[in-house]
Amino acid sequence: MCSVQCGAERRKDIFESIKREAERILKKGKGSHDLEHTERVLKLATRIGRKEKAGLEIIRLAAVLHDIARRAEDRSGGRLDHAAQGAKLAAVILKKYDYPVKKTRMSAIAYKPTGSGAD
């Protein structure tokens, strides 16, 4: 019989797999939106999430996946929106790993405030 902890361990393993997949994508990136940027975002998002007592699971996923389509935007000369494309790619990745997340939570990955410097 699997306890609640077993579920948490499985989600942790899935998160690590998703993170590794995002890392493979981000290693190809250039400039300020590369793997190092995402690692900084993950650390900062986790720290803020803990302080705010927020749902770290979703925050950490959003942090590692937030720029996965940045390279596509750069290669398109800005014709593609990396936030919208990233949300689509994130949905594919999450589905691939059977990540148990409600579709409505995907908006956390796609949301990008305008004019905030949050690029």
PDB file of N, CA and C in Angstrom:
ATOM      1  N   MET A   1       0.840  -1.174   0.000  1.00  0.00           N
ATOM      2  CA  MET A   1       0.000   0.000   0.000  1.00  0.00           C
ATOM      3  C   MET A   1       0.888   1.241   0.000  1.00  0.00           C
ATOM      4  N   CYS A   2       0.562   2.204  -0.859  1.00  0.00           N
ATOM      5  CA  CYS A   2       1.371   3.409  -1.013  1.00  0.00           C
ATOM      6  C   CYS A   2       0.808   4.527  -0.145  1.00  0.00           C
ATOM      7  N   SER A   3       1.663   5.158   0.630  1.00  0.00           N
ATOM      8  CA  SER A   3       1.230   6.242   1.515  1.00  0.00           C
ATOM      9  C   SER A   3       1.223   7.570   0.758  1.00  0.00           C
ATOM     10  N   VAL A   4       0.810   8.627   1.425  1.00  0.00           N
ATOM     11  CA  VAL A   4       0.835   9.974   0.858  1.00  0.00           C
ATOM     12  C   VAL A   4       2.266  10.347   0.482  1.00  0.00           C
ATOM     13  N   GLN A   5       3.223   9.943   1.308  1.00  0.00           N
ATOM     14  CA  GLN A   5       4.631  10.230   1.043  1.00  0.00           C
ATOM     15  C   GLN A   5       5.076   9.616  -0.281  1.00  0.00           C
ATOM     16  N   CYS A   6       4.569   8.429  -0.578  1.00  0.00           N
ATOM     17  CA  CYS A   6       4.905   7.777  -1.840  1.00  0.00           C
ATOM     18  C   CYS A   6       4.495   8.663  -3.015  1.00  0.00           C
ATOM     19  N   GLY A   7       3.314   9.272  -2.921  1.00  0.00           N
ATOM     20  CA  GLY A   7       2.854  10.188  -3.959  1.00  0.00           C
ATOM     21  C   GLY A   7       3.776  11.383  -4.097  1.00  0.00           C
ATOM     22  N   ALA A   8       4.222  11.914  -2.976  1.00  0.00           N
ATOM     23  CA  ALA A   8       5.126  13.055  -2.989  1.00  0.00           C
ATOM     24  C   ALA A   8       6.473  12.673  -3.598  1.00  0.00           C
ATOM     25  N   GLU A   9       6.965  11.491  -3.270  1.00  0.00           N
ATOM     26  CA  GLU A   9       8.234  11.027  -3.847  1.00  0.00           C
ATOM     27  C   GLU A   9       8.113  10.854  -5.356  1.00  0.00           C
ATOM     28  N   ARG A  10       7.009  10.314  -5.802  1.00  0.00           N
ATOM     29  CA  ARG A  10       6.788  10.146  -7.243  1.00  0.00           C
ATOM     30  C   ARG A  10       6.759  11.498  -7.939  1.00  0.00           C
ATOM     31  N   ARG A  11       6.065  12.482  -7.353  1.00  0.00           N
ATOM     32  CA  ARG A  11       6.008  13.822  -7.949  1.00  0.00           C
ATOM     33  C   ARG A  11       7.401  14.451  -7.978  1.00  0.00           C
ATOM     34  N   LYS A  12       8.202  14.184  -6.942  1.00  0.00           N
ATOM     35  CA  LYS A  12       9.571  14.715  -6.917  1.00  0.00           C
ATOM     36  C   LYS A  12      10.390  14.109  -8.055  1.00  0.00           C
ATOM     37  N   ASP A  13      10.258  12.810  -8.263  1.00  0.00           N
ATOM     38  CA  ASP A  13      10.962  12.138  -9.365  1.00  0.00           C
ATOM     39  C   ASP A  13      10.520  12.692 -10.716  1.00  0.00           C
ATOM     40  N   ILE A  14       9.216  12.917 -10.846  1.00  0.00           N
ATOM     41  CA  ILE A  14       8.685  13.473 -12.096  1.00  0.00           C
ATOM     42  C   ILE A  14       9.234  14.881 -12.304  1.00  0.00           C
ATOM     43  N   PHE A  15       9.247  15.682 -11.233  1.00  0.00           N
ATOM     44  CA  PHE A  15       9.791  17.034 -11.345  1.00  0.00           C
ATOM     45  C   PHE A  15      11.235  16.989 -11.835  1.00  0.00           C
ATOM     46  N   GLU A  16      12.035  16.113 -11.269  1.00  0.00           N
ATOM     47  CA  GLU A  16      13.442  16.016 -11.681  1.00  0.00           C
ATOM     48  C   GLU A  16      13.562  15.625 -13.153  1.00  0.00           C
ATOM     49  N   SER A  17      12.695  14.734 -13.625  1.00  0.00           N
ATOM     50  CA  SER A  17      12.703  14.353 -15.041  1.00  0.00           C
ATOM     51  C   SER A  17      12.316  15.530 -15.919  1.00  0.00           C
ATOM     52  N   ILE A  18      11.305  16.284 -15.518  1.00  0.00           N
ATOM     53  CA  ILE A  18      10.873  17.456 -16.277  1.00  0.00           C
ATOM     54  C   ILE A  18      11.980  18.507 -16.273  1.00  0.00           C
ATOM     55  N   LYS A  19      12.621  18.685 -15.145  1.00  0.00           N
ATOM     56  CA  LYS A  19      13.723  19.649 -15.051  1.00  0.00           C
ATOM     57  C   LYS A  19      14.864  19.261 -15.985  1.00  0.00           C
ATOM     58  N   ARG A  20      15.204  17.976 -16.018  1.00  0.00           N
ATOM     59  CA  ARG A  20      16.276  17.524 -16.925  1.00  0.00           C
ATOM     60  C   ARG A  20      15.894  17.783 -18.386  1.00  0.00           C
ATOM     61  N   GLU A  21      14.639  17.562 -18.724  1.00  0.00           N
ATOM     62  CA  GLU A  21      14.192  17.824 -20.098  1.00  0.00           C
ATOM     63  C   GLU A  21      14.293  19.317 -20.418  1.00  0.00           C
ATOM     64  N   ALA A  22      13.862  20.152 -19.491  1.00  0.00           N
ATOM     65  CA  ALA A  22      13.977  21.601 -19.692  1.00  0.00           C
ATOM     66  C   ALA A  22      15.446  22.001 -19.826  1.00  0.00           C
ATOM     67  N   GLU A  23      16.310  21.411 -19.029  1.00  0.00           N
ATOM     68  CA  GLU A  23      17.741  21.711 -19.105  1.00  0.00           C
ATOM     69  C   GLU A  23      18.306  21.373 -20.475  1.00  0.00           C
ATOM     70  N   ARG A  24      17.883  20.243 -21.037  1.00  0.00           N
ATOM     71  CA  ARG A  24      18.357  19.875 -22.384  1.00  0.00           C
ATOM     72  C   ARG A  24      17.955  20.934 -23.408  1.00  0.00           C
ATOM     73  N   ILE A  25      16.758  21.449 -23.279  1.00  0.00           N
ATOM     74  CA  ILE A  25      16.279  22.482 -24.201  1.00  0.00           C
ATOM     75  C   ILE A  25      17.040  23.784 -23.964  1.00  0.00           C
ATOM     76  N   LEU A  26      17.202  24.156 -22.703  1.00  0.00           N
ATOM     77  CA  LEU A  26      17.807  25.443 -22.357  1.00  0.00           C
ATOM     78  C   LEU A  26      19.306  25.488 -22.611  1.00  0.00           C
ATOM     79  N   LYS A  27      19.977  24.352 -22.618  1.00  0.00           N
ATOM     80  CA  LYS A  27      21.423  24.334 -22.881  1.00  0.00           C
ATOM     81  C   LYS A  27      21.732  24.886 -24.264  1.00  0.00           C
ATOM     82  N   LYS A  28      20.748  24.826 -25.158  1.00  0.00           N
ATOM     83  CA  LYS A  28      20.938  25.335 -26.513  1.00  0.00           C
ATOM     84  C   LYS A  28      20.738  26.847 -26.590  1.00  0.00           C
ATOM     85  N   GLY A  29      20.255  27.446 -25.511  1.00  0.00           N
ATOM     86  CA  GLY A  29      19.953  28.873 -25.493  1.00  0.00           C
ATOM     87  C   GLY A  29      21.199  29.740 -25.447  1.00  0.00           C
ATOM     88  N   LYS A  30      20.999  30.982 -25.821  1.00  0.00           N
ATOM     89  CA  LYS A  30      22.095  31.950 -25.811  1.00  0.00           C
ATOM     90  C   LYS A  30      21.663  33.171 -25.024  1.00  0.00           C
ATOM     91  N   GLY A  31      22.620  33.976 -24.679  1.00  0.00           N
ATOM     92  CA  GLY A  31      22.305  35.238 -24.038  1.00  0.00           C
ATOM     93  C   GLY A  31      21.841  35.077 -22.608  1.00  0.00           C
ATOM     94  N   SER A  32      20.956  35.962 -22.210  1.00  0.00           N
ATOM     95  CA  SER A  32      20.556  36.029 -20.811  1.00  0.00           C
ATOM     96  C   SER A  32      19.447  35.051 -20.439  1.00  0.00           C
ATOM     97  N   HIS A  33      18.872  34.351 -21.392  1.00  0.00           N
ATOM     98  CA  HIS A  33      17.772  33.411 -21.094  1.00  0.00           C
ATOM     99  C   HIS A  33      18.218  31.973 -21.338  1.00  0.00           C
ATOM    100  N   ASP A  34      19.273  31.615 -20.672  1.00  0.00           N
ATOM    101  CA  ASP A  34      19.841  30.288 -20.827  1.00  0.00           C
ATOM    102  C   ASP A  34      19.585  29.470 -19.565  1.00  0.00           C
ATOM    103  N   LEU A  35      20.272  28.355 -19.448  1.00  0.00           N
ATOM    104  CA  LEU A  35      20.105  27.461 -18.308  1.00  0.00           C
ATOM    105  C   LEU A  35      20.448  28.159 -16.985  1.00  0.00           C
ATOM    106  N   GLU A  36      21.506  28.945 -16.970  1.00  0.00           N
ATOM    107  CA  GLU A  36      21.890  29.645 -15.737  1.00  0.00           C
ATOM    108  C   GLU A  36      20.796  30.605 -15.280  1.00  0.00           C
ATOM    109  N   HIS A  37      20.175  31.304 -16.223  1.00  0.00           N
ATOM    110  CA  HIS A  37      19.059  32.205 -15.900  1.00  0.00           C
ATOM    111  C   HIS A  37      17.929  31.418 -15.246  1.00  0.00           C
ATOM    112  N   THR A  38      17.598  30.283 -15.822  1.00  0.00           N
ATOM    113  CA  THR A  38      16.501  29.474 -15.295  1.00  0.00           C
ATOM    114  C   THR A  38      16.829  28.943 -13.909  1.00  0.00           C
ATOM    115  N   GLU A  39      18.079  28.580 -13.680  1.00  0.00           N
ATOM    116  CA  GLU A  39      18.473  28.128 -12.341  1.00  0.00           C
ATOM    117  C   GLU A  39      18.331  29.252 -11.316  1.00  0.00           C
ATOM    118  N   ARG A  40      18.668  30.480 -11.720  1.00  0.00           N
ATOM    119  CA  ARG A  40      18.494  31.630 -10.816  1.00  0.00           C
ATOM    120  C   ARG A  40      17.007  31.870 -10.540  1.00  0.00           C
ATOM    121  N   VAL A  41      16.192  31.780 -11.585  1.00  0.00           N
ATOM    122  CA  VAL A  41      14.746  31.964 -11.424  1.00  0.00           C
ATOM    123  C   VAL A  41      14.180  30.892 -10.490  1.00  0.00           C
ATOM    124  N   LEU A  42      14.624  29.652 -10.653  1.00  0.00           N
ATOM    125  CA  LEU A  42      14.147  28.562  -9.800  1.00  0.00           C
ATOM    126  C   LEU A  42      14.479  28.834  -8.333  1.00  0.00           C
ATOM    127  N   LYS A  43      15.703  29.245  -8.064  1.00  0.00           N
ATOM    128  CA  LYS A  43      16.101  29.532  -6.676  1.00  0.00           C
ATOM    129  C   LYS A  43      15.287  30.677  -6.093  1.00  0.00           C
ATOM    130  N   LEU A  44      15.147  31.743  -6.858  1.00  0.00           N
ATOM    131  CA  LEU A  44      14.414  32.903  -6.371  1.00  0.00           C
ATOM    132  C   LEU A  44      12.924  32.580  -6.196  1.00  0.00           C
ATOM    133  N   ALA A  45      12.327  31.911  -7.164  1.00  0.00           N
ATOM    134  CA  ALA A  45      10.910  31.551  -7.081  1.00  0.00           C
ATOM    135  C   ALA A  45      10.647  30.636  -5.888  1.00  0.00           C
ATOM    136  N   THR A  46      11.548  29.705  -5.638  1.00  0.00           N
ATOM    137  CA  THR A  46      11.401  28.801  -4.502  1.00  0.00           C
ATOM    138  C   THR A  46      11.486  29.580  -3.191  1.00  0.00           C
ATOM    139  N   ARG A  47      12.431  30.492  -3.109  1.00  0.00           N
ATOM    140  CA  ARG A  47      12.590  31.288  -1.894  1.00  0.00           C
ATOM    141  C   ARG A  47      11.350  32.158  -1.634  1.00  0.00           C
ATOM    142  N   ILE A  48      10.859  32.816  -2.676  1.00  0.00           N
ATOM    143  CA  ILE A  48       9.657  33.648  -2.526  1.00  0.00           C
ATOM    144  C   ILE A  48       8.456  32.770  -2.180  1.00  0.00           C
ATOM    145  N   GLY A  49       8.322  31.641  -2.860  1.00  0.00           N
ATOM    146  CA  GLY A  49       7.209  30.733  -2.599  1.00  0.00           C
ATOM    147  C   GLY A  49       7.179  30.247  -1.165  1.00  0.00           C
ATOM    148  N   ARG A  50       8.336  29.920  -0.630  1.00  0.00           N
ATOM    149  CA  ARG A  50       8.407  29.482   0.775  1.00  0.00           C
ATOM    150  C   ARG A  50       7.976  30.602   1.711  1.00  0.00           C
ATOM    151  N   LYS A  51       8.475  31.790   1.448  1.00  0.00           N
ATOM    152  CA  LYS A  51       8.138  32.938   2.303  1.00  0.00           C
ATOM    153  C   LYS A  51       6.644  33.228   2.249  1.00  0.00           C
ATOM    154  N   GLU A  52       6.048  33.084   1.076  1.00  0.00           N
ATOM    155  CA  GLU A  52       4.629  33.384   0.904  1.00  0.00           C
ATOM    156  C   GLU A  52       3.729  32.184   1.197  1.00  0.00           C
ATOM    157  N   LYS A  53       4.343  31.049   1.540  1.00  0.00           N
ATOM    158  CA  LYS A  53       3.604  29.809   1.810  1.00  0.00           C
ATOM    159  C   LYS A  53       2.729  29.420   0.611  1.00  0.00           C
ATOM    160  N   ALA A  54       3.317  29.519  -0.550  1.00  0.00           N
ATOM    161  CA  ALA A  54       2.637  29.224  -1.810  1.00  0.00           C
ATOM    162  C   ALA A  54       2.844  27.768  -2.212  1.00  0.00           C
ATOM    163  N   GLY A  55       2.165  27.334  -3.236  1.00  0.00           N
ATOM    164  CA  GLY A  55       2.295  25.973  -3.751  1.00  0.00           C
ATOM    165  C   GLY A  55       3.605  25.811  -4.513  1.00  0.00           C
ATOM    166  N   LEU A  56       4.617  25.323  -3.827  1.00  0.00           N
ATOM    167  CA  LEU A  56       5.959  25.231  -4.422  1.00  0.00           C
ATOM    168  C   LEU A  56       6.022  24.307  -5.625  1.00  0.00           C
ATOM    169  N   GLU A  57       5.203  23.300  -5.640  1.00  0.00           N
ATOM    170  CA  GLU A  57       5.247  22.348  -6.742  1.00  0.00           C
ATOM    171  C   GLU A  57       4.993  23.052  -8.087  1.00  0.00           C
ATOM    172  N   ILE A  58       3.936  23.841  -8.142  1.00  0.00           N
ATOM    173  CA  ILE A  58       3.596  24.554  -9.371  1.00  0.00           C
ATOM    174  C   ILE A  58       4.590  25.674  -9.641  1.00  0.00           C
ATOM    175  N   ILE A  59       5.002  26.375  -8.602  1.00  0.00           N
ATOM    176  CA  ILE A  59       5.970  27.461  -8.769  1.00  0.00           C
ATOM    177  C   ILE A  59       7.275  26.931  -9.343  1.00  0.00           C
ATOM    178  N   ARG A  60       7.753  25.817  -8.835  1.00  0.00           N
ATOM    179  CA  ARG A  60       9.021  25.247  -9.312  1.00  0.00           C
ATOM    180  C   ARG A  60       8.904  24.765 -10.767  1.00  0.00           C
ATOM    181  N   LEU A  61       7.763  24.157 -11.101  1.00  0.00           N
ATOM    182  CA  LEU A  61       7.546  23.745 -12.491  1.00  0.00           C
ATOM    183  C   LEU A  61       7.526  24.958 -13.416  1.00  0.00           C
ATOM    184  N   ALA A  62       6.779  25.979 -13.028  1.00  0.00           N
ATOM    185  CA  ALA A  62       6.708  27.190 -13.847  1.00  0.00           C
ATOM    186  C   ALA A  62       8.091  27.807 -14.017  1.00  0.00           C
ATOM    187  N   ALA A  63       8.889  27.796 -12.964  1.00  0.00           N
ATOM    188  CA  ALA A  63      10.233  28.377 -13.032  1.00  0.00           C
ATOM    189  C   ALA A  63      11.124  27.632 -14.023  1.00  0.00           C
ATOM    190  N   VAL A  64      11.112  26.306 -13.981  1.00  0.00           N
ATOM    191  CA  VAL A  64      12.007  25.557 -14.890  1.00  0.00           C
ATOM    192  C   VAL A  64      11.495  25.560 -16.330  1.00  0.00           C
ATOM    193  N   LEU A  65      10.198  25.769 -16.511  1.00  0.00           N
ATOM    194  CA  LEU A  65       9.638  25.716 -17.860  1.00  0.00           C
ATOM    195  C   LEU A  65       9.399  27.088 -18.485  1.00  0.00           C
ATOM    196  N   HIS A  66       9.592  28.165 -17.738  1.00  0.00           N
ATOM    197  CA  HIS A  66       9.144  29.477 -18.203  1.00  0.00           C
ATOM    198  C   HIS A  66       9.827  29.983 -19.475  1.00  0.00           C
ATOM    199  N   ASP A  67      11.014  29.578 -19.769  1.00  0.00           N
ATOM    200  CA  ASP A  67      11.717  30.065 -20.969  1.00  0.00           C
ATOM    201  C   ASP A  67      12.034  28.962 -21.980  1.00  0.00           C
ATOM    202  N   ILE A  68      11.326  27.858 -21.923  1.00  0.00           N
ATOM    203  CA  ILE A  68      11.691  26.741 -22.801  1.00  0.00           C
ATOM    204  C   ILE A  68      11.480  27.037 -24.287  1.00  0.00           C
ATOM    205  N   ALA A  69      10.698  28.048 -24.604  1.00  0.00           N
ATOM    206  CA  ALA A  69      10.503  28.400 -26.019  1.00  0.00           C
ATOM    207  C   ALA A  69      11.209  29.712 -26.384  1.00  0.00           C
ATOM    208  N   ARG A  70      12.059  30.209 -25.517  1.00  0.00           N
ATOM    209  CA  ARG A  70      12.769  31.462 -25.789  1.00  0.00           C
ATOM    210  C   ARG A  70      13.619  31.350 -27.059  1.00  0.00           C
ATOM    211  N   ARG A  71      14.274  30.212 -27.242  1.00  0.00           N
ATOM    212  CA  ARG A  71      15.120  30.017 -28.424  1.00  0.00           C
ATOM    213  C   ARG A  71      14.289  30.096 -29.707  1.00  0.00           C
ATOM    214  N   ALA A  72      13.087  29.517 -29.673  1.00  0.00           N
ATOM    215  CA  ALA A  72      12.197  29.574 -30.847  1.00  0.00           C
ATOM    216  C   ALA A  72      11.801  31.021 -31.148  1.00  0.00           C
ATOM    217  N   GLU A  73      11.541  31.798 -30.100  1.00  0.00           N
ATOM    218  CA  GLU A  73      11.199  33.211 -30.305  1.00  0.00           C
ATOM    219  C   GLU A  73      12.376  33.955 -30.920  1.00  0.00           C
ATOM    220  N   ASP A  74      13.556  33.710 -30.390  1.00  0.00           N
ATOM    221  CA  ASP A  74      14.750  34.369 -30.918  1.00  0.00           C
ATOM    222  C   ASP A  74      14.985  33.998 -32.373  1.00  0.00           C
ATOM    223  N   ARG A  75      14.846  32.719 -32.686  1.00  0.00           N
ATOM    224  CA  ARG A  75      15.070  32.255 -34.064  1.00  0.00           C
ATOM    225  C   ARG A  75      14.012  32.785 -35.022  1.00  0.00           C
ATOM    226  N   SER A  76      12.816  33.109 -34.515  1.00  0.00           N
ATOM    227  CA  SER A  76      11.741  33.621 -35.376  1.00  0.00           C
ATOM    228  C   SER A  76      11.837  35.133 -35.568  1.00  0.00           C
ATOM    229  N   GLY A  77      12.833  35.743 -34.942  1.00  0.00           N
ATOM    230  CA  GLY A  77      12.958  37.188 -35.033  1.00  0.00           C
ATOM    231  C   GLY A  77      11.861  37.905 -34.258  1.00  0.00           C
ATOM    232  N   GLY A  78      11.309  37.250 -33.265  1.00  0.00           N
ATOM    233  CA  GLY A  78      10.275  37.845 -32.437  1.00  0.00           C
ATOM    234  C   GLY A  78       8.851  37.612 -32.917  1.00  0.00           C
ATOM    235  N   ARG A  79       8.695  36.868 -34.015  1.00  0.00           N
ATOM    236  CA  ARG A  79       7.342  36.589 -34.524  1.00  0.00           C
ATOM    237  C   ARG A  79       6.579  35.636 -33.613  1.00  0.00           C
ATOM    238  N   LEU A  80       7.292  34.743 -32.946  1.00  0.00           N
ATOM    239  CA  LEU A  80       6.654  33.835 -31.993  1.00  0.00           C
ATOM    240  C   LEU A  80       6.758  34.426 -30.596  1.00  0.00           C
ATOM    241  N   ASP A  81       5.728  34.229 -29.808  1.00  0.00           N
ATOM    242  CA  ASP A  81       5.730  34.652 -28.413  1.00  0.00           C
ATOM    243  C   ASP A  81       6.199  33.479 -27.569  1.00  0.00           C
ATOM    244  N   HIS A  82       7.351  33.625 -26.920  1.00  0.00           N
ATOM    245  CA  HIS A  82       7.907  32.487 -26.185  1.00  0.00           C
ATOM    246  C   HIS A  82       7.020  32.064 -25.022  1.00  0.00           C
ATOM    247  N   ALA A  83       6.250  32.974 -24.443  1.00  0.00           N
ATOM    248  CA  ALA A  83       5.371  32.601 -23.332  1.00  0.00           C
ATOM    249  C   ALA A  83       4.251  31.679 -23.826  1.00  0.00           C
ATOM    250  N   ALA A  84       3.617  32.059 -24.927  1.00  0.00           N
ATOM    251  CA  ALA A  84       2.526  31.239 -25.478  1.00  0.00           C
ATOM    252  C   ALA A  84       3.063  29.909 -26.003  1.00  0.00           C
ATOM    253  N   GLN A  85       4.165  29.959 -26.735  1.00  0.00           N
ATOM    254  CA  GLN A  85       4.759  28.724 -27.262  1.00  0.00           C
ATOM    255  C   GLN A  85       5.274  27.847 -26.131  1.00  0.00           C
ATOM    256  N   GLY A  86       5.845  28.478 -25.113  1.00  0.00           N
ATOM    257  CA  GLY A  86       6.350  27.739 -23.963  1.00  0.00           C
ATOM    258  C   GLY A  86       5.243  27.023 -23.203  1.00  0.00           C
ATOM    259  N   ALA A  87       4.078  27.667 -23.092  1.00  0.00           N
ATOM    260  CA  ALA A  87       2.946  27.027 -22.414  1.00  0.00           C
ATOM    261  C   ALA A  87       2.507  25.780 -23.170  1.00  0.00           C
ATOM    262  N   LYS A  88       2.508  25.859 -24.495  1.00  0.00           N
ATOM    263  CA  LYS A  88       2.140  24.688 -25.308  1.00  0.00           C
ATOM    264  C   LYS A  88       3.170  23.567 -25.128  1.00  0.00           C
ATOM    265  N   LEU A  89       4.443  23.923 -25.191  1.00  0.00           N
ATOM    266  CA  LEU A  89       5.503  22.931 -25.022  1.00  0.00           C
ATOM    267  C   LEU A  89       5.485  22.361 -23.604  1.00  0.00           C
ATOM    268  N   ALA A  90       5.233  23.208 -22.616  1.00  0.00           N
ATOM    269  CA  ALA A  90       5.141  22.743 -21.229  1.00  0.00           C
ATOM    270  C   ALA A  90       4.016  21.734 -21.074  1.00  0.00           C
ATOM    271  N   ALA A  91       2.884  21.991 -21.725  1.00  0.00           N
ATOM    272  CA  ALA A  91       1.752  21.055 -21.647  1.00  0.00           C
ATOM    273  C   ALA A  91       2.148  19.694 -22.215  1.00  0.00           C
ATOM    274  N   VAL A  92       2.895  19.697 -23.308  1.00  0.00           N
ATOM    275  CA  VAL A  92       3.357  18.449 -23.919  1.00  0.00           C
ATOM    276  C   VAL A  92       4.300  17.713 -22.959  1.00  0.00           C
ATOM    277  N   ILE A  93       5.218  18.447 -22.365  1.00  0.00           N
ATOM    278  CA  ILE A  93       6.189  17.843 -21.441  1.00  0.00           C
ATOM    279  C   ILE A  93       5.474  17.281 -20.216  1.00  0.00           C
ATOM    280  N   LEU A  94       4.572  18.050 -19.635  1.00  0.00           N
ATOM    281  CA  LEU A  94       3.844  17.586 -18.455  1.00  0.00           C
ATOM    282  C   LEU A  94       3.030  16.327 -18.768  1.00  0.00           C
ATOM    283  N   LYS A  95       2.401  16.317 -19.939  1.00  0.00           N
ATOM    284  CA  LYS A  95       1.617  15.142 -20.341  1.00  0.00           C
ATOM    285  C   LYS A  95       2.531  13.934 -20.541  1.00  0.00           C
ATOM    286  N   LYS A  96       3.693  14.156 -21.129  1.00  0.00           N
ATOM    287  CA  LYS A  96       4.649  13.076 -21.365  1.00  0.00           C
ATOM    288  C   LYS A  96       5.001  12.349 -20.068  1.00  0.00           C
ATOM    289  N   TYR A  97       5.119  13.107 -18.980  1.00  0.00           N
ATOM    290  CA  TYR A  97       5.482  12.524 -17.695  1.00  0.00           C
ATOM    291  C   TYR A  97       4.266  12.241 -16.813  1.00  0.00           C
ATOM    292  N   ASP A  98       3.070  12.307 -17.411  1.00  0.00           N
ATOM    293  CA  ASP A  98       1.826  12.057 -16.670  1.00  0.00           C
ATOM    294  C   ASP A  98       1.778  12.880 -15.395  1.00  0.00           C
ATOM    295  N   TYR A  99       2.209  14.131 -15.502  1.00  0.00           N
ATOM    296  CA  TYR A  99       2.214  14.988 -14.320  1.00  0.00           C
ATOM    297  C   TYR A  99       0.782  15.319 -13.917  1.00  0.00           C
ATOM    298  N   PRO A 100       0.419  15.076 -12.668  1.00  0.00           N
ATOM    299  CA  PRO A 100      -0.959  15.282 -12.217  1.00  0.00           C
ATOM    300  C   PRO A 100      -1.262  16.745 -11.894  1.00  0.00           C
ATOM    301  N   VAL A 101      -1.438  17.546 -12.932  1.00  0.00           N
ATOM    302  CA  VAL A 101      -1.731  18.964 -12.724  1.00  0.00           C
ATOM    303  C   VAL A 101      -2.980  19.333 -13.511  1.00  0.00           C
ATOM    304  N   LYS A 102      -3.846  20.109 -12.886  1.00  0.00           N
ATOM    305  CA  LYS A 102      -5.061  20.550 -13.563  1.00  0.00           C
ATOM    306  C   LYS A 102      -4.684  21.499 -14.678  1.00  0.00           C
ATOM    307  N   LYS A 103      -5.413  21.408 -15.783  1.00  0.00           N
ATOM    308  CA  LYS A 103      -5.117  22.242 -16.940  1.00  0.00           C
ATOM    309  C   LYS A 103      -5.172  23.730 -16.593  1.00  0.00           C
ATOM    310  N   THR A 104      -6.047  24.115 -15.698  1.00  0.00           N
ATOM    311  CA  THR A 104      -6.164  25.533 -15.340  1.00  0.00           C
ATOM    312  C   THR A 104      -4.882  26.068 -14.719  1.00  0.00           C
ATOM    313  N   ARG A 105      -4.078  25.215 -14.149  1.00  0.00           N
ATOM    314  CA  ARG A 105      -2.822  25.666 -13.549  1.00  0.00           C
ATOM    315  C   ARG A 105      -1.757  25.974 -14.597  1.00  0.00           C
ATOM    316  N   MET A 106      -1.961  25.544 -15.820  1.00  0.00           N
ATOM    317  CA  MET A 106      -0.990  25.822 -16.881  1.00  0.00           C
ATOM    318  C   MET A 106      -0.854  27.315 -17.121  1.00  0.00           C
ATOM    319  N   SER A 107      -1.872  28.103 -16.768  1.00  0.00           N
ATOM    320  CA  SER A 107      -1.792  29.541 -17.000  1.00  0.00           C
ATOM    321  C   SER A 107      -0.654  30.164 -16.190  1.00  0.00           C
ATOM    322  N   ALA A 108      -0.224  29.526 -15.122  1.00  0.00           N
ATOM    323  CA  ALA A 108       0.898  30.049 -14.340  1.00  0.00           C
ATOM    324  C   ALA A 108       2.165  30.074 -15.173  1.00  0.00           C
ATOM    325  N   ILE A 109       2.293  29.155 -16.105  1.00  0.00           N
ATOM    326  CA  ILE A 109       3.472  29.108 -16.955  1.00  0.00           C
ATOM    327  C   ILE A 109       3.343  30.103 -18.102  1.00  0.00           C
ATOM    328  N   ALA A 110       2.136  30.269 -18.640  1.00  0.00           N
ATOM    329  CA  ALA A 110       1.927  31.157 -19.776  1.00  0.00           C
ATOM    330  C   ALA A 110       1.861  32.625 -19.378  1.00  0.00           C
ATOM    331  N   TYR A 111       1.491  32.916 -18.134  1.00  0.00           N
ATOM    332  CA  TYR A 111       1.301  34.300 -17.711  1.00  0.00           C
ATOM    333  C   TYR A 111       2.617  35.055 -17.707  1.00  0.00           C
ATOM    334  N   LYS A 112       2.596  36.211 -18.320  1.00  0.00           N
ATOM    335  CA  LYS A 112       3.778  37.064 -18.340  1.00  0.00           C
ATOM    336  C   LYS A 112       3.306  38.503 -18.259  1.00  0.00           C
ATOM    337  N   PRO A 113       3.533  39.186 -17.137  1.00  0.00           N
ATOM    338  CA  PRO A 113       3.095  40.572 -17.027  1.00  0.00           C
ATOM    339  C   PRO A 113       3.812  41.452 -18.044  1.00  0.00           C
ATOM    340  N   THR A 114       3.082  42.355 -18.661  1.00  0.00           N
ATOM    341  CA  THR A 114       3.686  43.243 -19.647  1.00  0.00           C
ATOM    342  C   THR A 114       4.269  44.461 -18.960  1.00  0.00           C
ATOM    343  N   GLY A 115       5.411  44.883 -19.453  1.00  0.00           N
ATOM    344  CA  GLY A 115       6.039  46.086 -18.939  1.00  0.00           C
ATOM    345  C   GLY A 115       6.622  45.965 -17.545  1.00  0.00           C
ATOM    346  N   SER A 116       6.780  44.754 -17.058  1.00  0.00           N
ATOM    347  CA  SER A 116       7.271  44.587 -15.695  1.00  0.00           C
ATOM    348  C   SER A 116       8.763  44.308 -15.631  1.00  0.00           C
ATOM    349  N   GLY A 117       9.365  44.098 -16.787  1.00  0.00           N
ATOM    350  CA  GLY A 117      10.771  43.699 -16.787  1.00  0.00           C
ATOM    351  C   GLY A 117      10.953  42.246 -16.416  1.00  0.00           C
ATOM    352  N   ALA A 118       9.864  41.469 -16.483  1.00  0.00           N
ATOM    353  CA  ALA A 118       9.904  40.067 -16.082  1.00  0.00           C
ATOM    354  C   ALA A 118      10.380  39.160 -17.193  1.00  0.00           C
ATOM    355  N   ASP A 119      10.929  39.726 -18.253  1.00  0.00           N
ATOM    356  CA  ASP A 119      11.413  38.913 -19.363  1.00  0.00           C
ATOM    357  C   ASP A 119      12.546  38.079 -18.873  1.00  0.00           C
TER     358      ASP A 119
END
